[in-house]
């Protein structure tokens, strides 16, 4: 079972991102995720991301939901996602699939374990 801690964020180089104090308030985010039913599979995907793999490629390989097309969820207004997912996603700095800033550890929801990245905020 996953540890119950607040989501931390890291990019593929291991530096911390997602500093809420530097983020402007947003009403919508452009998000991607990798959804895995098992924590171990999500951690395997994170290992590949830490090795420098592109987020969209790992999402196509590992994600177990309909967002398999690179994990793209599109623009999501505040309030349209599950609370735990939204809290983690809105705390992330925007990044790119080449150099993603994503949630570590994966975020646990009723759907499974999510590795989340945000491409844009508005």
PDB file of N, CA and C in Angstrom:
ATOM      1  N   UNK A   1       0.844  -1.188   0.000  1.00  0.00           N
ATOM      2  CA  UNK A   1       0.000   0.000   0.000  1.00  0.00           C
ATOM      3  C   UNK A   1       0.881   1.241   0.000  1.00  0.00           C
ATOM      4  N   UNK A   2       0.430   2.266  -0.662  1.00  0.00           N
ATOM      5  CA  UNK A   2       1.196   3.506  -0.781  1.00  0.00           C
ATOM      6  C   UNK A   2       1.236   4.250   0.545  1.00  0.00           C
ATOM      7  N   UNK A   3       2.361   4.901   0.822  1.00  0.00           N
ATOM      8  CA  UNK A   3       2.415   5.710   2.029  1.00  0.00           C
ATOM      9  C   UNK A   3       1.447   6.881   1.912  1.00  0.00           C
ATOM     10  N   UNK A   4       0.840   7.255   3.033  1.00  0.00           N
ATOM     11  CA  UNK A   4      -0.112   8.363   3.016  1.00  0.00           C
ATOM     12  C   UNK A   4       0.620   9.645   3.352  1.00  0.00           C
ATOM     13  N   UNK A   5       1.203  10.241   2.332  1.00  0.00           N
ATOM     14  CA  UNK A   5       1.907  11.503   2.518  1.00  0.00           C
ATOM     15  C   UNK A   5       1.444  12.475   1.455  1.00  0.00           C
ATOM     16  N   UNK A   6       1.721  13.735   1.662  1.00  0.00           N
ATOM     17  CA  UNK A   6       1.362  14.746   0.664  1.00  0.00           C
ATOM     18  C   UNK A   6       2.178  14.491  -0.595  1.00  0.00           C
ATOM     19  N   UNK A   7       1.596  14.769  -1.726  1.00  0.00           N
ATOM     20  CA  UNK A   7       2.288  14.567  -2.993  1.00  0.00           C
ATOM     21  C   UNK A   7       3.478  15.507  -3.093  1.00  0.00           C
ATOM     22  N   UNK A   8       4.616  14.951  -3.412  1.00  0.00           N
ATOM     23  CA  UNK A   8       5.796  15.735  -3.707  1.00  0.00           C
ATOM     24  C   UNK A   8       5.929  15.718  -5.215  1.00  0.00           C
ATOM     25  N   UNK A   9       6.662  16.653  -5.734  1.00  0.00           N
ATOM     26  CA  UNK A   9       6.849  16.655  -7.171  1.00  0.00           C
ATOM     27  C   UNK A   9       8.322  16.657  -7.491  1.00  0.00           C
ATOM     28  N   UNK A  10       8.629  16.071  -8.617  1.00  0.00           N
ATOM     29  CA  UNK A  10      10.016  15.988  -9.032  1.00  0.00           C
ATOM     30  C   UNK A  10      10.046  15.945 -10.542  1.00  0.00           C
ATOM     31  N   UNK A  11      11.114  16.452 -11.120  1.00  0.00           N
ATOM     32  CA  UNK A  11      11.264  16.276 -12.558  1.00  0.00           C
ATOM     33  C   UNK A  11      12.201  15.106 -12.790  1.00  0.00           C
ATOM     34  N   UNK A  12      12.497  14.792 -14.021  1.00  0.00           N
ATOM     35  CA  UNK A  12      13.300  13.611 -14.314  1.00  0.00           C
ATOM     36  C   UNK A  12      14.709  13.713 -13.767  1.00  0.00           C
ATOM     37  N   UNK A  13      15.158  14.894 -13.401  1.00  0.00           N
ATOM     38  CA  UNK A  13      16.483  15.054 -12.817  1.00  0.00           C
ATOM     39  C   UNK A  13      16.434  14.966 -11.296  1.00  0.00           C
ATOM     40  N   UNK A  14      15.233  14.863 -10.730  1.00  0.00           N
ATOM     41  CA  UNK A  14      15.091  14.701  -9.301  1.00  0.00           C
ATOM     42  C   UNK A  14      14.951  15.989  -8.516  1.00  0.00           C
ATOM     43  N   UNK A  15      14.882  17.144  -9.166  1.00  0.00           N
ATOM     44  CA  UNK A  15      14.735  18.381  -8.420  1.00  0.00           C
ATOM     45  C   UNK A  15      13.268  18.592  -8.059  1.00  0.00           C
ATOM     46  N   UNK A  16      13.046  19.283  -6.973  1.00  0.00           N
ATOM     47  CA  UNK A  16      11.694  19.478  -6.483  1.00  0.00           C
ATOM     48  C   UNK A  16      11.014  20.594  -7.250  1.00  0.00           C
ATOM     49  N   UNK A  17       9.765  20.383  -7.605  1.00  0.00           N
ATOM     50  CA  UNK A  17       8.942  21.386  -8.270  1.00  0.00           C
ATOM     51  C   UNK A  17       7.654  21.535  -7.503  1.00  0.00           C
ATOM     52  N   UNK A  18       6.718  22.266  -8.048  1.00  0.00           N
ATOM     53  CA  UNK A  18       5.408  22.377  -7.448  1.00  0.00           C
ATOM     54  C   UNK A  18       5.346  23.288  -6.243  1.00  0.00           C
ATOM     55  N   UNK A  19       6.197  24.291  -6.163  1.00  0.00           N
ATOM     56  CA  UNK A  19       6.180  25.245  -5.066  1.00  0.00           C
ATOM     57  C   UNK A  19       4.942  26.122  -5.205  1.00  0.00           C
ATOM     58  N   UNK A  20       3.938  25.876  -4.347  1.00  0.00           N
ATOM     59  CA  UNK A  20       2.672  26.594  -4.445  1.00  0.00           C
ATOM     60  C   UNK A  20       2.833  28.102  -4.324  1.00  0.00           C
ATOM     61  N   UNK A  21       3.813  28.563  -3.562  1.00  0.00           N
ATOM     62  CA  UNK A  21       3.962  29.997  -3.339  1.00  0.00           C
ATOM     63  C   UNK A  21       4.324  30.753  -4.617  1.00  0.00           C
ATOM     64  N   UNK A  22       4.871  30.088  -5.606  1.00  0.00           N
ATOM     65  CA  UNK A  22       5.264  30.733  -6.860  1.00  0.00           C
ATOM     66  C   UNK A  22       4.203  30.603  -7.944  1.00  0.00           C
ATOM     67  N   UNK A  23       3.148  29.854  -7.684  1.00  0.00           N
ATOM     68  CA  UNK A  23       2.108  29.645  -8.682  1.00  0.00           C
ATOM     69  C   UNK A  23       1.017  30.699  -8.554  1.00  0.00           C
ATOM     70  N   UNK A  24       0.586  31.211  -9.692  1.00  0.00           N
ATOM     71  CA  UNK A  24      -0.555  32.114  -9.703  1.00  0.00           C
ATOM     72  C   UNK A  24      -1.816  31.257  -9.633  1.00  0.00           C
ATOM     73  N   UNK A  25      -2.878  31.769  -9.022  1.00  0.00           N
ATOM     74  CA  UNK A  25      -4.131  31.001  -8.981  1.00  0.00           C
ATOM     75  C   UNK A  25      -4.598  30.668 -10.401  1.00  0.00           C
ATOM     76  N   UNK A  26      -5.149  29.481 -10.566  1.00  0.00           N
ATOM     77  CA  UNK A  26      -5.629  29.045 -11.880  1.00  0.00           C
ATOM     78  C   UNK A  26      -7.068  28.568 -11.762  1.00  0.00           C
ATOM     79  N   UNK A  27      -7.806  28.721 -12.838  1.00  0.00           N
ATOM     80  CA  UNK A  27      -9.176  28.224 -12.884  1.00  0.00           C
ATOM     81  C   UNK A  27      -9.269  26.957 -13.730  1.00  0.00           C
ATOM     82  N   UNK A  28      -8.184  26.652 -14.480  1.00  0.00           N
ATOM     83  CA  UNK A  28      -8.138  25.439 -15.295  1.00  0.00           C
ATOM     84  C   UNK A  28      -6.685  25.035 -15.517  1.00  0.00           C
ATOM     85  N   UNK A  29      -6.492  23.738 -15.704  1.00  0.00           N
ATOM     86  CA  UNK A  29      -5.155  23.212 -16.011  1.00  0.00           C
ATOM     87  C   UNK A  29      -5.247  22.294 -17.218  1.00  0.00           C
ATOM     88  N   UNK A  30      -4.153  22.204 -17.959  1.00  0.00           N
ATOM     89  CA  UNK A  30      -4.021  21.244 -19.046  1.00  0.00           C
ATOM     90  C   UNK A  30      -3.165  20.128 -18.482  1.00  0.00           C
ATOM     91  N   UNK A  31      -3.779  18.982 -18.202  1.00  0.00           N
ATOM     92  CA  UNK A  31      -3.108  17.912 -17.467  1.00  0.00           C
ATOM     93  C   UNK A  31      -2.908  16.648 -18.290  1.00  0.00           C
ATOM     94  N   UNK A  32      -1.899  15.901 -17.871  1.00  0.00           N
ATOM     95  CA  UNK A  32      -1.645  14.546 -18.360  1.00  0.00           C
ATOM     96  C   UNK A  32      -1.481  13.667 -17.130  1.00  0.00           C
ATOM     97  N   UNK A  33      -1.768  12.386 -17.292  1.00  0.00           N
ATOM     98  CA  UNK A  33      -1.506  11.474 -16.185  1.00  0.00           C
ATOM     99  C   UNK A  33      -1.212  10.077 -16.701  1.00  0.00           C
ATOM    100  N   UNK A  34      -0.647   9.301 -15.810  1.00  0.00           N
ATOM    101  CA  UNK A  34      -0.441   7.872 -16.024  1.00  0.00           C
ATOM    102  C   UNK A  34      -1.216   7.217 -14.897  1.00  0.00           C
ATOM    103  N   UNK A  35      -2.179   6.373 -15.218  1.00  0.00           N
ATOM    104  CA  UNK A  35      -3.005   5.709 -14.220  1.00  0.00           C
ATOM    105  C   UNK A  35      -2.670   4.228 -14.186  1.00  0.00           C
ATOM    106  N   UNK A  36      -2.296   3.751 -13.007  1.00  0.00           N
ATOM    107  CA  UNK A  36      -1.978   2.339 -12.815  1.00  0.00           C
ATOM    108  C   UNK A  36      -2.810   1.786 -11.664  1.00  0.00           C
ATOM    109  N   UNK A  37      -3.289   0.566 -11.810  1.00  0.00           N
ATOM    110  CA  UNK A  37      -4.073  -0.065 -10.749  1.00  0.00           C
ATOM    111  C   UNK A  37      -3.190  -0.430  -9.558  1.00  0.00           C
ATOM    112  N   UNK A  38      -1.936  -0.769  -9.828  1.00  0.00           N
ATOM    113  CA  UNK A  38      -1.030  -1.201  -8.759  1.00  0.00           C
ATOM    114  C   UNK A  38       0.067  -0.172  -8.516  1.00  0.00           C
ATOM    115  N   UNK A  39       0.370   0.032  -7.250  1.00  0.00           N
ATOM    116  CA  UNK A  39       1.414   0.966  -6.838  1.00  0.00           C
ATOM    117  C   UNK A  39       2.756   0.574  -7.459  1.00  0.00           C
ATOM    118  N   UNK A  40       3.060  -0.703  -7.493  1.00  0.00           N
ATOM    119  CA  UNK A  40       4.354  -1.160  -8.028  1.00  0.00           C
ATOM    120  C   UNK A  40       4.498  -0.807  -9.508  1.00  0.00           C
ATOM    121  N   UNK A  41       3.418  -0.891 -10.263  1.00  0.00           N
ATOM    122  CA  UNK A  41       3.479  -0.540 -11.683  1.00  0.00           C
ATOM    123  C   UNK A  41       3.687   0.968 -11.852  1.00  0.00           C
ATOM    124  N   UNK A  42       3.037   1.766 -11.001  1.00  0.00           N
ATOM    125  CA  UNK A  42       3.227   3.219 -11.051  1.00  0.00           C
ATOM    126  C   UNK A  42       4.677   3.567 -10.719  1.00  0.00           C
ATOM    127  N   UNK A  43       5.263   2.900  -9.750  1.00  0.00           N
ATOM    128  CA  UNK A  43       6.652   3.167  -9.378  1.00  0.00           C
ATOM    129  C   UNK A  43       7.610   2.749 -10.503  1.00  0.00           C
ATOM    130  N   UNK A  44       7.268   1.696 -11.219  1.00  0.00           N
ATOM    131  CA  UNK A  44       8.069   1.270 -12.377  1.00  0.00           C
ATOM    132  C   UNK A  44       8.037   2.360 -13.454  1.00  0.00           C
ATOM    133  N   UNK A  45       6.865   2.960 -13.673  1.00  0.00           N
ATOM    134  CA  UNK A  45       6.741   4.053 -14.636  1.00  0.00           C
ATOM    135  C   UNK A  45       7.565   5.259 -14.184  1.00  0.00           C
ATOM    136  N   UNK A  46       7.549   5.561 -12.894  1.00  0.00           N
ATOM    137  CA  UNK A  46       8.337   6.683 -12.359  1.00  0.00           C
ATOM    138  C   UNK A  46       9.823   6.437 -12.566  1.00  0.00           C
ATOM    139  N   UNK A  47      10.273   5.202 -12.382  1.00  0.00           N
ATOM    140  CA  UNK A  47      11.691   4.877 -12.622  1.00  0.00           C
ATOM    141  C   UNK A  47      12.079   5.191 -14.056  1.00  0.00           C
ATOM    142  N   UNK A  48      11.207   4.869 -15.000  1.00  0.00           N
ATOM    143  CA  UNK A  48      11.499   5.160 -16.408  1.00  0.00           C
ATOM    144  C   UNK A  48      11.531   6.669 -16.655  1.00  0.00           C
ATOM    145  N   UNK A  49      10.601   7.397 -16.029  1.00  0.00           N
ATOM    146  CA  UNK A  49      10.598   8.857 -16.157  1.00  0.00           C
ATOM    147  C   UNK A  49      11.883   9.443 -15.583  1.00  0.00           C
ATOM    148  N   UNK A  50      12.319   8.934 -14.451  1.00  0.00           N
ATOM    149  CA  UNK A  50      13.554   9.413 -13.834  1.00  0.00           C
ATOM    150  C   UNK A  50      14.768   9.083 -14.695  1.00  0.00           C
ATOM    151  N   UNK A  51      14.638   8.067 -15.524  1.00  0.00           N
ATOM    152  CA  UNK A  51      15.701   7.702 -16.450  1.00  0.00           C
ATOM    153  C   UNK A  51      15.732   8.572 -17.694  1.00  0.00           C
ATOM    154  N   UNK A  52      14.785   9.519 -17.799  1.00  0.00           N
ATOM    155  CA  UNK A  52      14.794  10.452 -18.920  1.00  0.00           C
ATOM    156  C   UNK A  52      13.771  10.182 -20.002  1.00  0.00           C
ATOM    157  N   UNK A  53      12.887   9.198 -19.801  1.00  0.00           N
ATOM    158  CA  UNK A  53      11.867   8.900 -20.810  1.00  0.00           C
ATOM    159  C   UNK A  53      10.839  10.029 -20.873  1.00  0.00           C
ATOM    160  N   UNK A  54      10.220  10.192 -22.037  1.00  0.00           N
ATOM    161  CA  UNK A  54       9.186  11.211 -22.223  1.00  0.00           C
ATOM    162  C   UNK A  54       7.895  10.754 -21.538  1.00  0.00           C
ATOM    163  N   UNK A  55       7.216  11.713 -20.924  1.00  0.00           N
ATOM    164  CA  UNK A  55       5.996  11.409 -20.181  1.00  0.00           C
ATOM    165  C   UNK A  55       4.933  10.761 -21.064  1.00  0.00           C
ATOM    166  N   UNK A  56       4.722  11.301 -22.267  1.00  0.00           N
ATOM    167  CA  UNK A  56       3.674  10.764 -23.135  1.00  0.00           C
ATOM    168  C   UNK A  56       3.968   9.329 -23.572  1.00  0.00           C
ATOM    169  N   UNK A  57       5.233   9.012 -23.791  1.00  0.00           N
ATOM    170  CA  UNK A  57       5.603   7.639 -24.185  1.00  0.00           C
ATOM    171  C   UNK A  57       5.346   6.665 -23.038  1.00  0.00           C
ATOM    172  N   UNK A  58       5.684   7.063 -21.825  1.00  0.00           N
ATOM    173  CA  UNK A  58       5.459   6.197 -20.668  1.00  0.00           C
ATOM    174  C   UNK A  58       3.958   6.058 -20.407  1.00  0.00           C
ATOM    175  N   UNK A  59       3.191   7.115 -20.622  1.00  0.00           N
ATOM    176  CA  UNK A  59       1.738   7.039 -20.460  1.00  0.00           C
ATOM    177  C   UNK A  59       1.134   6.033 -21.444  1.00  0.00           C
ATOM    178  N   UNK A  60       1.603   6.053 -22.689  1.00  0.00           N
ATOM    179  CA  UNK A  60       1.096   5.091 -23.675  1.00  0.00           C
ATOM    180  C   UNK A  60       1.427   3.657 -23.272  1.00  0.00           C
ATOM    181  N   UNK A  61       2.584   3.465 -22.670  1.00  0.00           N
ATOM    182  CA  UNK A  61       3.023   2.126 -22.286  1.00  0.00           C
ATOM    183  C   UNK A  61       2.374   1.638 -20.986  1.00  0.00           C
ATOM    184  N   UNK A  62       2.217   2.513 -20.007  1.00  0.00           N
ATOM    185  CA  UNK A  62       1.800   2.087 -18.668  1.00  0.00           C
ATOM    186  C   UNK A  62       0.372   2.425 -18.272  1.00  0.00           C
ATOM    187  N   UNK A  63      -0.212   3.488 -18.812  1.00  0.00           N
ATOM    188  CA  UNK A  63      -1.515   3.930 -18.328  1.00  0.00           C
ATOM    189  C   UNK A  63      -2.595   2.910 -18.647  1.00  0.00           C
ATOM    190  N   UNK A  64      -3.479   2.692 -17.683  1.00  0.00           N
ATOM    191  CA  UNK A  64      -4.523   1.676 -17.798  1.00  0.00           C
ATOM    192  C   UNK A  64      -5.913   2.295 -17.961  1.00  0.00           C
ATOM    193  N   UNK A  65      -5.982   3.480 -18.551  1.00  0.00           N
ATOM    194  CA  UNK A  65      -7.280   4.114 -18.739  1.00  0.00           C
ATOM    195  C   UNK A  65      -7.429   4.612 -20.164  1.00  0.00           C
ATOM    196  N   UNK A  66      -8.537   5.309 -20.414  1.00  0.00           N
ATOM    197  CA  UNK A  66      -8.816   5.776 -21.770  1.00  0.00           C
ATOM    198  C   UNK A  66      -7.913   6.918 -22.210  1.00  0.00           C
ATOM    199  N   UNK A  67      -7.131   7.485 -21.304  1.00  0.00           N
ATOM    200  CA  UNK A  67      -6.222   8.574 -21.664  1.00  0.00           C
ATOM    201  C   UNK A  67      -4.871   8.025 -22.110  1.00  0.00           C
ATOM    202  N   UNK A  68      -4.865   6.862 -22.709  1.00  0.00           N
ATOM    203  CA  UNK A  68      -3.619   6.223 -23.130  1.00  0.00           C
ATOM    204  C   UNK A  68      -2.907   7.002 -24.228  1.00  0.00           C
ATOM    205  N   UNK A  69      -3.588   7.913 -24.891  1.00  0.00           N
ATOM    206  CA  UNK A  69      -2.965   8.707 -25.953  1.00  0.00           C
ATOM    207  C   UNK A  69      -2.026   9.730 -25.323  1.00  0.00           C
ATOM    208  N   UNK A  70      -0.977   9.228 -24.713  1.00  0.00           N
ATOM    209  CA  UNK A  70      -0.005  10.102 -24.081  1.00  0.00           C
ATOM    210  C   UNK A  70      -0.454  10.635 -22.736  1.00  0.00           C
ATOM    211  N   UNK A  71      -1.548  10.101 -22.214  1.00  0.00           N
ATOM    212  CA  UNK A  71      -2.056  10.522 -20.915  1.00  0.00           C
ATOM    213  C   UNK A  71      -2.758  11.865 -20.923  1.00  0.00           C
ATOM    214  N   UNK A  72      -3.028  12.411 -22.112  1.00  0.00           N
ATOM    215  CA  UNK A  72      -3.601  13.755 -22.227  1.00  0.00           C
ATOM    216  C   UNK A  72      -5.050  13.784 -21.742  1.00  0.00           C
ATOM    217  N   UNK A  73      -5.316  14.599 -20.740  1.00  0.00           N
ATOM    218  CA  UNK A  73      -6.677  14.779 -20.229  1.00  0.00           C
ATOM    219  C   UNK A  73      -7.295  16.069 -20.741  1.00  0.00           C
ATOM    220  N   UNK A  74      -6.488  16.922 -21.372  1.00  0.00           N
ATOM    221  CA  UNK A  74      -6.982  18.196 -21.884  1.00  0.00           C
ATOM    222  C   UNK A  74      -7.150  19.219 -20.770  1.00  0.00           C
ATOM    223  N   UNK A  75      -7.830  20.298 -21.097  1.00  0.00           N
ATOM    224  CA  UNK A  75      -8.073  21.368 -20.122  1.00  0.00           C
ATOM    225  C   UNK A  75      -9.181  20.941 -19.183  1.00  0.00           C
ATOM    226  N   UNK A  76      -8.901  21.039 -17.882  1.00  0.00           N
ATOM    227  CA  UNK A  76      -9.864  20.662 -16.855  1.00  0.00           C
ATOM    228  C   UNK A  76     -10.098  21.842 -15.917  1.00  0.00           C
ATOM    229  N   UNK A  77     -11.339  22.324 -15.861  1.00  0.00           N
ATOM    230  CA  UNK A  77     -11.628  23.425 -14.936  1.00  0.00           C
ATOM    231  C   UNK A  77     -11.611  22.935 -13.489  1.00  0.00           C
ATOM    232  N   UNK A  78     -11.318  23.845 -12.582  1.00  0.00           N
ATOM    233  CA  UNK A  78     -11.307  23.515 -11.160  1.00  0.00           C
ATOM    234  C   UNK A  78     -12.679  22.957 -10.780  1.00  0.00           C
ATOM    235  N   UNK A  79     -12.672  21.865 -10.044  1.00  0.00           N
ATOM    236  CA  UNK A  79     -13.912  21.231  -9.614  1.00  0.00           C
ATOM    237  C   UNK A  79     -14.358  20.073 -10.485  1.00  0.00           C
ATOM    238  N   UNK A  80     -13.657  19.815 -11.594  1.00  0.00           N
ATOM    239  CA  UNK A  80     -14.082  18.752 -12.508  1.00  0.00           C
ATOM    240  C   UNK A  80     -13.343  17.429 -12.276  1.00  0.00           C
ATOM    241  N   UNK A  81     -12.378  17.429 -11.372  1.00  0.00           N
ATOM    242  CA  UNK A  81     -11.576  16.230 -11.099  1.00  0.00           C
ATOM    243  C   UNK A  81     -11.804  15.771  -9.666  1.00  0.00           C
ATOM    244  N   UNK A  82     -11.426  14.535  -9.356  1.00  0.00           N
ATOM    245  CA  UNK A  82     -11.528  14.094  -7.969  1.00  0.00           C
ATOM    246  C   UNK A  82     -10.639  14.977  -7.106  1.00  0.00           C
ATOM    247  N   UNK A  83     -11.036  15.186  -5.878  1.00  0.00           N
ATOM    248  CA  UNK A  83     -10.365  16.150  -4.987  1.00  0.00           C
ATOM    249  C   UNK A  83      -8.871  15.868  -4.832  1.00  0.00           C
ATOM    250  N   UNK A  84      -8.498  14.633  -4.576  1.00  0.00           N
ATOM    251  CA  UNK A  84      -7.084  14.310  -4.349  1.00  0.00           C
ATOM    252  C   UNK A  84      -6.255  14.559  -5.610  1.00  0.00           C
ATOM    253  N   UNK A  85      -6.804  14.215  -6.776  1.00  0.00           N
ATOM    254  CA  UNK A  85      -6.133  14.455  -8.049  1.00  0.00           C
ATOM    255  C   UNK A  85      -5.983  15.959  -8.272  1.00  0.00           C
ATOM    256  N   UNK A  86      -7.067  16.683  -8.089  1.00  0.00           N
ATOM    257  CA  UNK A  86      -7.061  18.128  -8.327  1.00  0.00           C
ATOM    258  C   UNK A  86      -6.090  18.850  -7.395  1.00  0.00           C
ATOM    259  N   UNK A  87      -6.076  18.490  -6.120  1.00  0.00           N
ATOM    260  CA  UNK A  87      -5.163  19.132  -5.173  1.00  0.00           C
ATOM    261  C   UNK A  87      -3.712  18.971  -5.617  1.00  0.00           C
ATOM    262  N   UNK A  88      -3.358  17.772  -6.038  1.00  0.00           N
ATOM    263  CA  UNK A  88      -1.983  17.512  -6.485  1.00  0.00           C
ATOM    264  C   UNK A  88      -1.691  18.225  -7.804  1.00  0.00           C
ATOM    265  N   UNK A  89      -2.620  18.167  -8.746  1.00  0.00           N
ATOM    266  CA  UNK A  89      -2.403  18.748 -10.071  1.00  0.00           C
ATOM    267  C   UNK A  89      -2.277  20.273 -10.017  1.00  0.00           C
ATOM    268  N   UNK A  90      -3.126  20.936  -9.254  1.00  0.00           N
ATOM    269  CA  UNK A  90      -3.078  22.393  -9.181  1.00  0.00           C
ATOM    270  C   UNK A  90      -1.854  22.895  -8.415  1.00  0.00           C
ATOM    271  N   UNK A  91      -1.169  22.003  -7.704  1.00  0.00           N
ATOM    272  CA  UNK A  91       0.054  22.382  -6.981  1.00  0.00           C
ATOM    273  C   UNK A  91       1.301  22.266  -7.855  1.00  0.00           C
ATOM    274  N   UNK A  92       1.172  21.656  -9.040  1.00  0.00           N
ATOM    275  CA  UNK A  92       2.325  21.436  -9.914  1.00  0.00           C
ATOM    276  C   UNK A  92       2.650  22.644 -10.783  1.00  0.00           C
ATOM    277  N   UNK A  93       3.943  22.855 -10.990  1.00  0.00           N
ATOM    278  CA  UNK A  93       4.412  23.833 -11.969  1.00  0.00           C
ATOM    279  C   UNK A  93       4.168  23.246 -13.357  1.00  0.00           C
ATOM    280  N   UNK A  94       3.814  24.052 -14.342  1.00  0.00           N
ATOM    281  CA  UNK A  94       3.698  23.550 -15.712  1.00  0.00           C
ATOM    282  C   UNK A  94       5.062  23.062 -16.220  1.00  0.00           C
ATOM    283  N   UNK A  95       5.025  22.021 -17.041  1.00  0.00           N
ATOM    284  CA  UNK A  95       6.252  21.453 -17.607  1.00  0.00           C
ATOM    285  C   UNK A  95       5.929  20.838 -18.959  1.00  0.00           C
ATOM    286  N   UNK A  96       6.926  20.216 -19.577  1.00  0.00           N
ATOM    287  CA  UNK A  96       6.742  19.586 -20.890  1.00  0.00           C
ATOM    288  C   UNK A  96       6.934  18.086 -20.781  1.00  0.00           C
ATOM    289  N   UNK A  97       6.457  17.351 -21.786  1.00  0.00           N
ATOM    290  CA  UNK A  97       6.605  15.896 -21.767  1.00  0.00           C
ATOM    291  C   UNK A  97       8.072  15.481 -21.835  1.00  0.00           C
ATOM    292  N   UNK A  98       8.930  16.342 -22.414  1.00  0.00           N
ATOM    293  CA  UNK A  98      10.361  16.049 -22.497  1.00  0.00           C
ATOM    294  C   UNK A  98      11.059  16.192 -21.145  1.00  0.00           C
ATOM    295  N   UNK A  99      10.619  17.158 -20.344  1.00  0.00           N
ATOM    296  CA  UNK A  99      11.199  17.415 -19.020  1.00  0.00           C
ATOM    297  C   UNK A  99      10.059  17.613 -18.024  1.00  0.00           C
ATOM    298  N   UNK A 100       9.343  16.513 -17.729  1.00  0.00           N
ATOM    299  CA  UNK A 100       8.149  16.652 -16.901  1.00  0.00           C
ATOM    300  C   UNK A 100       8.453  16.893 -15.422  1.00  0.00           C
ATOM    301  N   UNK A 101       7.561  17.654 -14.798  1.00  0.00           N
ATOM    302  CA  UNK A 101       7.503  17.774 -13.345  1.00  0.00           C
ATOM    303  C   UNK A 101       6.229  17.020 -12.973  1.00  0.00           C
ATOM    304  N   UNK A 102       6.345  16.017 -12.153  1.00  0.00           N
ATOM    305  CA  UNK A 102       5.219  15.128 -11.883  1.00  0.00           C
ATOM    306  C   UNK A 102       5.153  14.757 -10.409  1.00  0.00           C
ATOM    307  N   UNK A 103       4.064  14.127 -10.031  1.00  0.00           N
ATOM    308  CA  UNK A 103       3.839  13.767  -8.638  1.00  0.00           C
ATOM    309  C   UNK A 103       4.633  12.527  -8.238  1.00  0.00           C
ATOM    310  N   UNK A 104       5.343  12.664  -7.130  1.00  0.00           N
ATOM    311  CA  UNK A 104       6.036  11.541  -6.493  1.00  0.00           C
ATOM    312  C   UNK A 104       5.740  11.654  -5.004  1.00  0.00           C
ATOM    313  N   UNK A 105       5.189  10.654  -4.368  1.00  0.00           N
ATOM    314  CA  UNK A 105       4.736   9.377  -4.904  1.00  0.00           C
ATOM    315  C   UNK A 105       3.472   9.571  -5.747  1.00  0.00           C
ATOM    316  N   UNK A 106       3.050   8.504  -6.420  1.00  0.00           N
ATOM    317  CA  UNK A 106       1.817   8.603  -7.202  1.00  0.00           C
ATOM    318  C   UNK A 106       0.651   8.968  -6.282  1.00  0.00           C
ATOM    319  N   UNK A 107      -0.329   9.652  -6.833  1.00  0.00           N
ATOM    320  CA  UNK A 107      -1.506  10.076  -6.078  1.00  0.00           C
ATOM    321  C   UNK A 107      -2.542   8.955  -6.112  1.00  0.00           C
ATOM    322  N   UNK A 108      -2.993   8.516  -4.941  1.00  0.00           N
ATOM    323  CA  UNK A 108      -3.974   7.428  -4.850  1.00  0.00           C
ATOM    324  C   UNK A 108      -5.381   8.011  -4.877  1.00  0.00           C
ATOM    325  N   UNK A 109      -6.203   7.481  -5.772  1.00  0.00           N
ATOM    326  CA  UNK A 109      -7.619   7.836  -5.824  1.00  0.00           C
ATOM    327  C   UNK A 109      -8.418   6.541  -5.914  1.00  0.00           C
ATOM    328  N   UNK A 110      -9.718   6.664  -6.011  1.00  0.00           N
ATOM    329  CA  UNK A 110     -10.557   5.466  -6.146  1.00  0.00           C
ATOM    330  C   UNK A 110     -10.322   4.762  -7.486  1.00  0.00           C
ATOM    331  N   UNK A 111      -9.664   5.440  -8.442  1.00  0.00           N
ATOM    332  CA  UNK A 111      -9.387   4.865  -9.757  1.00  0.00           C
ATOM    333  C   UNK A 111      -8.069   4.093  -9.786  1.00  0.00           C
ATOM    334  N   UNK A 112      -7.162   4.395  -8.863  1.00  0.00           N
ATOM    335  CA  UNK A 112      -5.849   3.772  -8.833  1.00  0.00           C
ATOM    336  C   UNK A 112      -4.788   4.795  -8.476  1.00  0.00           C
ATOM    337  N   UNK A 113      -3.577   4.591  -8.988  1.00  0.00           N
ATOM    338  CA  UNK A 113      -2.440   5.459  -8.692  1.00  0.00           C
ATOM    339  C   UNK A 113      -2.126   6.319  -9.907  1.00  0.00           C
ATOM    340  N   UNK A 114      -2.121   7.638  -9.708  1.00  0.00           N
ATOM    341  CA  UNK A 114      -1.900   8.598 -10.782  1.00  0.00           C
ATOM    342  C   UNK A 114      -0.520   9.231 -10.663  1.00  0.00           C
ATOM    343  N   UNK A 115       0.180   9.290 -11.773  1.00  0.00           N
ATOM    344  CA  UNK A 115       1.378  10.121 -11.901  1.00  0.00           C
ATOM    345  C   UNK A 115       0.892  11.290 -12.754  1.00  0.00           C
ATOM    346  N   UNK A 116       0.925  12.481 -12.186  1.00  0.00           N
ATOM    347  CA  UNK A 116       0.298  13.645 -12.812  1.00  0.00           C
ATOM    348  C   UNK A 116       1.349  14.664 -13.234  1.00  0.00           C
ATOM    349  N   UNK A 117       1.156  15.255 -14.399  1.00  0.00           N
ATOM    350  CA  UNK A 117       1.941  16.416 -14.826  1.00  0.00           C
ATOM    351  C   UNK A 117       0.981  17.442 -15.414  1.00  0.00           C
ATOM    352  N   UNK A 118       1.390  18.696 -15.393  1.00  0.00           N
ATOM    353  CA  UNK A 118       0.562  19.787 -15.909  1.00  0.00           C
ATOM    354  C   UNK A 118       1.348  20.506 -16.992  1.00  0.00           C
ATOM    355  N   UNK A 119       0.702  20.707 -18.145  1.00  0.00           N
ATOM    356  CA  UNK A 119       1.351  21.402 -19.264  1.00  0.00           C
ATOM    357  C   UNK A 119       0.995  22.879 -19.312  1.00  0.00           C
ATOM    358  N   UNK A 120      -0.121  23.263 -18.731  1.00  0.00           N
ATOM    359  CA  UNK A 120      -0.508  24.661 -18.771  1.00  0.00           C
ATOM    360  C   UNK A 120      -1.505  25.006 -17.684  1.00  0.00           C
ATOM    361  N   UNK A 121      -1.563  26.301 -17.377  1.00  0.00           N
ATOM    362  CA  UNK A 121      -2.502  26.840 -16.375  1.00  0.00           C
ATOM    363  C   UNK A 121      -3.139  28.089 -16.947  1.00  0.00           C
ATOM    364  N   UNK A 122      -4.399  28.306 -16.636  1.00  0.00           N
ATOM    365  CA  UNK A 122      -5.055  29.571 -17.003  1.00  0.00           C
ATOM    366  C   UNK A 122      -6.081  29.949 -15.957  1.00  0.00           C
TER     367      UNK A 122
END
